Protein backbone atom coordinates (compact mmCIF):
# COMPACT_ATOMS: atom_id res chain seq x y z
CA MET A 1 -6.90 -2.49 42.68
CA MET A 2 -10.49 -3.78 42.57
CA THR A 3 -11.61 -6.71 44.65
CA THR A 4 -13.17 -9.71 42.93
CA ARG A 5 -16.62 -8.60 44.05
CA GLU A 6 -16.04 -5.07 42.75
CA MET A 7 -14.78 -6.39 39.41
CA ALA A 8 -17.82 -8.61 38.96
CA ALA A 9 -20.11 -5.71 39.88
CA LYS A 10 -18.32 -3.46 37.40
CA ALA A 11 -18.86 -6.04 34.67
CA GLY A 12 -22.57 -6.10 35.51
CA HIS A 13 -22.84 -2.34 35.09
CA ILE A 14 -20.84 -2.41 31.86
CA ARG A 15 -23.16 -5.11 30.49
CA GLU A 16 -26.26 -3.03 31.32
CA THR A 17 -24.75 0.11 29.74
CA THR A 18 -23.76 -1.80 26.61
CA TYR A 19 -27.21 -3.34 26.27
CA ARG A 20 -28.90 0.04 26.74
CA ILE A 21 -26.80 2.03 24.27
CA ILE A 22 -27.14 -0.57 21.53
CA HIS A 23 -30.91 -0.52 21.91
CA GLU A 24 -31.04 3.27 21.97
CA ALA A 25 -28.96 3.32 18.77
CA GLY A 26 -31.69 1.33 17.01
CA GLY A 27 -30.17 -2.12 17.43
CA GLY A 28 -26.85 -3.72 16.70
CA HIS A 29 -24.44 -6.41 17.79
CA PHE A 30 -25.88 -7.53 21.10
CA GLY A 31 -24.59 -11.10 21.09
CA GLY A 32 -20.86 -10.58 20.64
CA CYS A 33 -20.75 -7.50 22.86
CA LEU A 34 -22.43 -9.20 25.80
CA SER A 35 -20.27 -12.34 25.52
CA ALA A 36 -17.04 -10.35 25.97
CA VAL A 37 -18.01 -8.08 28.89
CA GLU A 38 -15.96 -9.78 31.59
CA ILE A 39 -12.93 -10.11 29.30
CA VAL A 40 -12.79 -6.41 28.48
CA THR A 41 -13.63 -5.42 32.05
CA VAL A 42 -10.72 -7.38 33.52
CA LEU A 43 -8.42 -6.00 30.83
CA TYR A 44 -9.19 -2.36 31.60
CA TYR A 45 -9.65 -2.54 35.37
CA SER A 46 -6.87 -4.97 36.24
CA GLU A 47 -4.47 -5.73 33.41
CA LEU A 48 -3.76 -2.92 30.96
CA ARG A 49 -1.38 -0.07 31.66
CA CYS A 50 -3.21 2.94 30.24
CA ASP A 51 -3.90 6.59 31.07
CA PRO A 52 -7.32 8.07 30.21
CA LEU A 53 -5.83 11.58 30.49
CA ASN A 54 -3.01 10.70 28.12
CA PRO A 55 -4.24 7.97 25.73
CA ALA A 56 -1.07 8.18 23.60
CA TRP A 57 1.25 7.67 26.59
CA PRO A 58 4.32 5.87 25.13
CA GLY A 59 4.54 3.48 28.08
CA ARG A 60 1.02 2.15 27.66
CA ASP A 61 -0.09 -1.34 26.74
CA TRP A 62 -2.18 -1.66 23.58
CA PHE A 63 -5.62 -3.23 23.18
CA ILE A 64 -6.70 -4.16 19.68
CA LEU A 65 -10.38 -4.99 19.15
CA GLY A 66 -10.16 -7.49 16.31
CA LYS A 67 -13.90 -8.15 16.44
CA GLY A 68 -14.70 -4.51 15.72
CA HIS A 69 -18.46 -5.02 15.87
CA ALA A 70 -18.08 -5.15 19.68
CA GLY A 71 -17.38 -1.42 19.61
CA PRO A 72 -20.32 -0.49 21.89
CA LEU A 73 -18.84 -2.64 24.67
CA LEU A 74 -15.45 -0.97 24.34
CA TYR A 75 -17.07 2.47 24.30
CA ALA A 76 -18.94 1.67 27.53
CA VAL A 77 -15.65 0.76 29.22
CA LEU A 78 -13.69 3.72 27.85
CA ALA A 79 -16.39 6.16 28.96
CA ASP A 80 -16.49 4.62 32.43
CA LYS A 81 -12.69 4.90 32.64
CA GLY A 82 -12.82 8.58 31.68
CA PHE A 83 -11.40 8.53 28.16
CA PHE A 84 -14.39 10.61 27.05
CA PRO A 85 -17.59 11.93 28.71
CA ALA A 86 -20.18 9.25 29.44
CA GLU A 87 -22.97 11.39 27.97
CA LYS A 88 -21.39 10.85 24.55
CA LEU A 89 -22.60 7.24 24.68
CA ALA A 90 -26.08 8.48 23.76
CA GLU A 91 -24.68 9.46 20.36
CA LEU A 92 -23.78 5.90 19.33
CA ASP A 93 -24.26 5.49 15.57
CA LYS A 94 -25.92 8.89 15.17
CA ASN A 95 -25.12 11.23 12.28
CA ALA A 96 -21.85 13.12 12.88
CA SER A 97 -21.29 11.16 16.10
CA MET A 98 -17.81 10.41 17.40
CA LEU A 99 -19.01 6.84 18.11
CA PRO A 100 -19.59 4.67 15.03
CA LYS A 101 -20.72 1.11 15.71
CA HIS A 102 -17.36 -0.20 14.49
CA VAL A 103 -14.46 1.46 16.28
CA ASP A 104 -12.54 4.33 14.64
CA ARG A 105 -9.18 5.40 16.09
CA HIS A 106 -9.46 8.81 14.45
CA LYS A 107 -12.65 9.66 16.36
CA VAL A 108 -12.47 8.02 19.77
CA PRO A 109 -9.79 8.59 22.45
CA GLY A 110 -8.35 5.28 23.59
CA ILE A 111 -9.07 3.37 20.38
CA GLU A 112 -5.79 2.06 18.97
CA PHE A 113 -7.04 0.40 15.78
CA SER A 114 -9.96 1.02 13.42
CA SER A 115 -11.63 -2.34 12.88
CA GLY A 116 -14.60 -3.74 11.06
CA PRO A 117 -13.20 -6.21 8.52
CA LEU A 118 -12.42 -9.35 10.50
CA GLY A 119 -9.07 -11.12 10.55
CA ILE A 120 -6.66 -8.19 10.52
CA GLY A 121 -6.40 -7.34 14.22
CA LEU A 122 -3.77 -9.95 15.07
CA SER A 123 -1.59 -8.84 12.15
CA PHE A 124 -1.67 -5.28 13.45
CA ALA A 125 -0.96 -6.45 17.00
CA ASN A 126 2.11 -8.33 15.75
CA GLY A 127 3.45 -5.16 14.15
CA VAL A 128 3.02 -3.13 17.34
CA ALA A 129 4.61 -5.90 19.42
CA LYS A 130 7.58 -6.31 17.07
CA ALA A 131 8.17 -2.54 17.05
CA ALA A 132 8.08 -2.47 20.85
CA LYS A 133 10.74 -5.17 21.02
CA MET A 134 12.92 -3.33 18.53
CA ASP A 135 12.61 -0.18 20.68
CA CYS A 136 13.30 -2.15 23.90
CA ARG A 137 9.93 -1.15 25.36
CA GLU A 138 7.99 -3.34 27.79
CA THR A 139 4.72 -2.81 25.91
CA ARG A 140 2.27 -5.71 25.88
CA VAL A 141 -0.29 -5.99 23.10
CA TYR A 142 -3.68 -7.59 23.68
CA VAL A 143 -6.01 -8.47 20.82
CA LEU A 144 -9.58 -9.74 21.17
CA LEU A 145 -10.72 -12.11 18.43
CA GLY A 146 -14.09 -13.70 17.79
CA ASP A 147 -14.11 -17.44 17.23
CA GLY A 148 -15.99 -16.88 13.97
CA GLU A 149 -13.24 -14.44 13.05
CA CYS A 150 -10.82 -17.35 13.21
CA ASN A 151 -12.38 -18.64 9.98
CA GLU A 152 -10.17 -16.01 8.33
CA GLY A 153 -6.93 -17.35 6.91
CA GLN A 154 -5.11 -14.18 7.88
CA VAL A 155 -5.57 -15.05 11.55
CA TRP A 156 -3.49 -18.19 11.06
CA GLU A 157 -0.87 -16.41 8.96
CA SER A 158 -0.58 -13.96 11.84
CA ALA A 159 -0.39 -16.79 14.37
CA MET A 160 2.53 -18.26 12.44
CA THR A 161 4.23 -14.86 12.28
CA ALA A 162 3.92 -14.16 16.02
CA ALA A 163 5.47 -17.54 16.87
CA HIS A 164 8.25 -17.13 14.30
CA TYR A 165 9.32 -13.82 15.83
CA SER A 166 8.89 -15.07 19.42
CA LEU A 167 6.45 -12.27 20.23
CA ASP A 168 5.88 -13.12 23.87
CA ASN A 169 4.48 -9.60 24.35
CA VAL A 170 1.40 -10.56 22.29
CA LEU A 171 -1.67 -12.01 23.98
CA ALA A 172 -4.58 -13.08 21.78
CA ILE A 173 -7.90 -13.62 23.51
CA VAL A 174 -10.55 -15.61 21.66
CA ASP A 175 -14.17 -14.95 22.60
CA ARG A 176 -15.22 -18.58 22.13
CA ASN A 177 -19.00 -18.07 22.22
CA ARG A 178 -19.52 -20.72 19.51
CA CYS A 179 -21.96 -18.61 17.47
CA GLN A 180 -21.47 -16.29 14.52
CA VAL A 181 -23.67 -14.25 12.24
CA ASP A 182 -25.18 -17.16 10.33
CA GLY A 183 -25.14 -20.09 12.71
CA ALA A 184 -23.22 -22.17 15.22
CA SER A 185 -19.50 -21.73 14.65
CA GLU A 186 -18.76 -25.43 14.41
CA GLU A 187 -21.49 -25.87 11.80
CA VAL A 188 -20.40 -22.90 9.70
CA MET A 189 -16.71 -23.88 9.77
CA GLY A 190 -15.55 -26.51 12.23
CA MET A 191 -12.39 -25.47 14.08
CA GLU A 192 -11.94 -28.20 16.65
CA PRO A 193 -9.52 -29.22 18.01
CA PHE A 194 -9.23 -25.44 18.39
CA ALA A 195 -6.68 -25.28 21.21
CA ASP A 196 -4.46 -27.84 19.49
CA LYS A 197 -4.41 -25.73 16.34
CA TRP A 198 -2.91 -22.83 18.28
CA ARG A 199 -0.41 -25.17 19.95
CA SER A 200 0.64 -26.51 16.56
CA PHE A 201 1.43 -22.94 15.51
CA GLY A 202 3.79 -22.59 18.47
CA TRP A 203 1.58 -20.69 20.92
CA ASN A 204 1.20 -21.03 24.67
CA VAL A 205 -2.48 -21.95 25.09
CA ILE A 206 -4.62 -21.19 28.14
CA THR A 207 -8.32 -21.98 28.40
CA THR A 208 -10.60 -20.21 30.84
CA ASP A 209 -14.17 -19.41 31.82
CA GLY A 210 -14.77 -16.15 29.97
CA HIS A 211 -17.40 -14.98 32.46
CA ASP A 212 -15.42 -15.57 35.66
CA VAL A 213 -13.33 -12.50 36.46
CA VAL A 214 -10.95 -14.46 38.71
CA SER A 215 -10.33 -17.11 36.05
CA ILE A 216 -9.72 -14.46 33.41
CA ALA A 217 -7.27 -12.56 35.61
CA ASP A 218 -5.44 -15.81 36.42
CA ALA A 219 -5.20 -16.61 32.70
CA PHE A 220 -3.68 -13.20 32.01
CA ASP A 221 -1.14 -13.80 34.80
CA CYS A 222 -0.17 -17.14 33.28
CA ALA A 223 0.23 -15.57 29.86
CA ARG A 224 2.51 -12.86 31.25
CA GLY A 225 4.80 -15.53 32.65
CA ALA A 226 5.28 -17.32 29.31
CA LYS A 227 8.57 -16.33 27.70
CA GLY A 228 9.78 -16.84 24.16
CA ARG A 229 6.42 -17.42 22.51
CA PRO A 230 3.04 -15.71 22.18
CA SER A 231 0.07 -16.73 24.29
CA VAL A 232 -3.60 -17.20 23.50
CA VAL A 233 -6.41 -17.30 26.05
CA ILE A 234 -9.40 -19.26 24.76
CA ALA A 235 -12.26 -17.84 26.80
CA GLU A 236 -15.35 -20.04 26.83
CA THR A 237 -18.30 -17.63 26.73
CA VAL A 238 -22.02 -17.43 26.05
CA LYS A 239 -23.34 -15.39 23.14
CA GLY A 240 -25.75 -12.76 24.47
CA LYS A 241 -24.71 -13.46 28.08
CA GLY A 242 -27.12 -12.07 30.67
CA ILE A 243 -30.20 -11.78 28.45
CA SER A 244 -32.21 -14.99 28.75
CA PHE A 245 -33.75 -14.96 25.28
CA MET A 246 -30.45 -14.05 23.56
CA GLU A 247 -28.12 -16.56 25.16
CA ASN A 248 -26.57 -19.07 22.73
CA ASP A 249 -28.81 -17.85 19.90
CA TYR A 250 -26.89 -16.73 16.81
CA ARG A 251 -29.90 -14.71 15.62
CA TRP A 252 -28.95 -12.09 18.20
CA HIS A 253 -25.53 -11.55 16.63
CA SER A 254 -27.03 -8.33 15.29
CA ALA A 255 -30.68 -7.47 15.74
CA VAL A 256 -33.31 -4.96 16.86
CA LEU A 257 -35.32 -5.23 20.08
CA THR A 258 -38.99 -4.51 20.52
CA GLY A 259 -39.90 -2.36 23.52
CA GLU A 260 -41.22 -5.42 25.34
CA GLN A 261 -38.02 -7.37 24.68
CA TYR A 262 -35.91 -4.47 25.89
CA GLU A 263 -37.77 -4.29 29.19
CA ARG A 264 -37.53 -8.03 29.61
CA GLY A 265 -33.77 -7.82 29.09
CA LEU A 266 -33.47 -5.08 31.69
CA ARG A 267 -35.27 -7.31 34.17
CA ASP A 268 -32.81 -10.13 33.41
CA LEU A 269 -29.86 -7.82 34.00
CA ALA A 270 -31.34 -6.39 37.19
CA GLY A 271 -31.04 -9.82 38.74
CA THR A 272 -27.32 -10.01 37.98
CA ILE A 273 -26.03 -6.56 38.97
């Protein structure tokens, strides 16, 4: 088990790798990848039961990346964990590559769900969780949603379904970075009171600092202890976290860096690793 210091350091290295491979691929979804680094790091290095040598192990927990445009972040973690060789990261978004920018379960070991269209991840997670209960398996299913993704009506249909079937083996995590592709989330489609909406659908709601590895781990512990209903962790995050000129700027949802900007970003990250 990693110490807190080791977990934070691991997140720093994952953030630098993610930033680098997106740039080397010619640009992409910097903002929403960098905001979720600590969340995905704690999941894979502390929470999830998984086996890089046997990705289809029946006893594993499942991670569903609802916000599929954060694929480069997940690839960085999977490579570091040993699901596939790290040198493959250089092939991100290249012709005939195994690593498309949006995740593809048919190409990448460790990917459970091919995502790109937003809103469908929680529905899929519900199906996996319901099947696990029917088979009397202790599988837990984790799904990472973007807060902009929660504009989709299907998210709320899925929230209603999970509560109706008492799927306490489902944990939704919302990357609440408050920005989406075309503006501030609350300006595009206001969702507050956000936590109360989930409560009204019958969910156990936990809010946390999405960049504090201890707070995230504690939130996951609390969710595991909730019985009879699904849980959601609303993780307050910063879009483009770690890169000074990207932070809280929706224009970096998906973009291309100049060489000068790339070097400036590396200097920012060097001070945090």
